[in-house]
């Protein structure tokens, strides 16, 4: 749906393209200049938020497990479930 409202946006390129190429922030009307906030401060805040997201995603322990590890874990869980099903029935 397209609205007839123009908005100010900030596009931040990602420092790590594994997660996203760019982040788009919609800036509230009247933020710049209100309360002593400059346009540079708004852009810097957008960059800080985008960088924080990338850092948070990198630090997750399960991102370091290779794909064969997930496959082995899935096979092990399926085997255990099958064995438990045999014992119970």
Protein backbone atom coordinates (compact mmCIF):
# COMPACT_ATOMS: atom_id res chain seq x y z
CA UNK A 1 0.00 0.00 0.00
CA UNK A 2 1.39 3.36 -0.95
CA UNK A 3 0.59 6.42 1.10
CA UNK A 4 0.94 9.97 -0.05
CA UNK A 5 3.18 10.91 2.86
CA UNK A 6 6.84 11.71 2.45
CA UNK A 7 9.10 10.43 5.20
CA UNK A 8 12.70 11.00 6.11
CA UNK A 9 14.74 7.83 6.13
CA UNK A 10 18.28 6.85 7.07
CA UNK A 11 19.87 3.95 5.20
CA UNK A 12 22.79 2.32 7.01
CA UNK A 13 24.99 -0.14 5.11
CA UNK A 14 25.79 -3.28 7.08
CA UNK A 15 29.36 -3.85 8.25
CA UNK A 16 28.75 -7.62 8.03
CA UNK A 17 26.65 -8.66 5.03
CA UNK A 18 25.88 -12.14 6.39
CA UNK A 19 22.82 -10.80 8.20
CA UNK A 20 21.55 -7.89 6.10
CA UNK A 21 22.72 -5.57 3.34
CA UNK A 22 21.32 -2.39 4.76
CA UNK A 23 19.02 -1.16 7.50
CA UNK A 24 16.38 1.47 6.83
CA UNK A 25 15.31 3.72 9.70
CA UNK A 26 12.23 5.94 9.48
CA UNK A 27 12.90 9.21 11.26
CA UNK A 28 10.07 10.80 13.25
CA UNK A 29 8.89 14.18 12.08
CA UNK A 30 10.47 17.07 13.93
CA UNK A 31 13.18 15.05 15.68
CA UNK A 32 16.04 16.93 14.06
CA UNK A 33 16.38 20.30 15.69
CA UNK A 34 14.04 19.39 18.55
CA UNK A 35 15.75 19.27 21.93
CA UNK A 36 19.16 20.08 20.46
CA UNK A 37 19.39 16.90 18.36
CA UNK A 38 21.39 17.31 15.15
CA UNK A 39 21.11 15.30 11.94
CA UNK A 40 24.57 13.85 12.58
CA UNK A 41 23.47 12.58 15.99
CA UNK A 42 20.44 10.86 14.45
CA UNK A 43 22.62 9.17 11.81
CA UNK A 44 25.15 8.10 14.44
CA UNK A 45 22.37 6.58 16.59
CA UNK A 46 21.11 4.61 13.58
CA UNK A 47 24.64 3.28 12.94
CA UNK A 48 25.05 2.35 16.61
CA UNK A 49 21.78 0.40 16.62
CA UNK A 50 22.67 -1.46 13.40
CA UNK A 51 26.16 -2.31 14.69
CA UNK A 52 24.71 -3.49 18.00
CA UNK A 53 22.38 -5.87 16.16
CA UNK A 54 25.26 -7.36 14.17
CA UNK A 55 27.41 -7.77 17.30
CA UNK A 56 24.55 -9.44 19.18
CA UNK A 57 23.99 -11.90 16.33
CA UNK A 58 27.70 -12.76 16.06
CA UNK A 59 27.97 -13.66 19.74
CA UNK A 60 25.35 -16.40 19.72
CA UNK A 61 26.99 -19.75 20.47
CA UNK A 62 24.90 -21.73 17.99
CA UNK A 63 26.16 -19.60 15.08
CA UNK A 64 29.57 -21.26 15.53
CA UNK A 65 28.25 -24.83 15.08
CA UNK A 66 28.92 -26.10 11.54
CA UNK A 67 26.08 -27.63 9.48
CA UNK A 68 27.32 -31.24 9.92
CA UNK A 69 27.04 -30.71 13.68
CA UNK A 70 23.34 -29.88 13.33
CA UNK A 71 22.86 -32.93 11.11
CA UNK A 72 24.56 -35.22 13.65
CA UNK A 73 22.52 -33.77 16.51
CA UNK A 74 19.28 -34.25 14.55
CA UNK A 75 20.19 -37.85 13.74
CA UNK A 76 21.03 -38.53 17.39
CA UNK A 77 17.74 -37.03 18.59
CA UNK A 78 15.76 -39.06 16.03
CA UNK A 79 17.55 -42.25 17.13
CA UNK A 80 16.83 -41.57 20.81
CA UNK A 81 13.17 -40.84 20.05
CA UNK A 82 12.90 -44.07 18.02
CA UNK A 83 14.53 -46.13 20.81
CA UNK A 84 12.27 -44.58 23.44
CA UNK A 85 9.28 -45.40 21.24
CA UNK A 86 10.36 -49.05 21.03
CA UNK A 87 10.83 -49.33 24.80
CA UNK A 88 7.49 -47.71 25.63
CA UNK A 89 5.43 -49.80 23.21
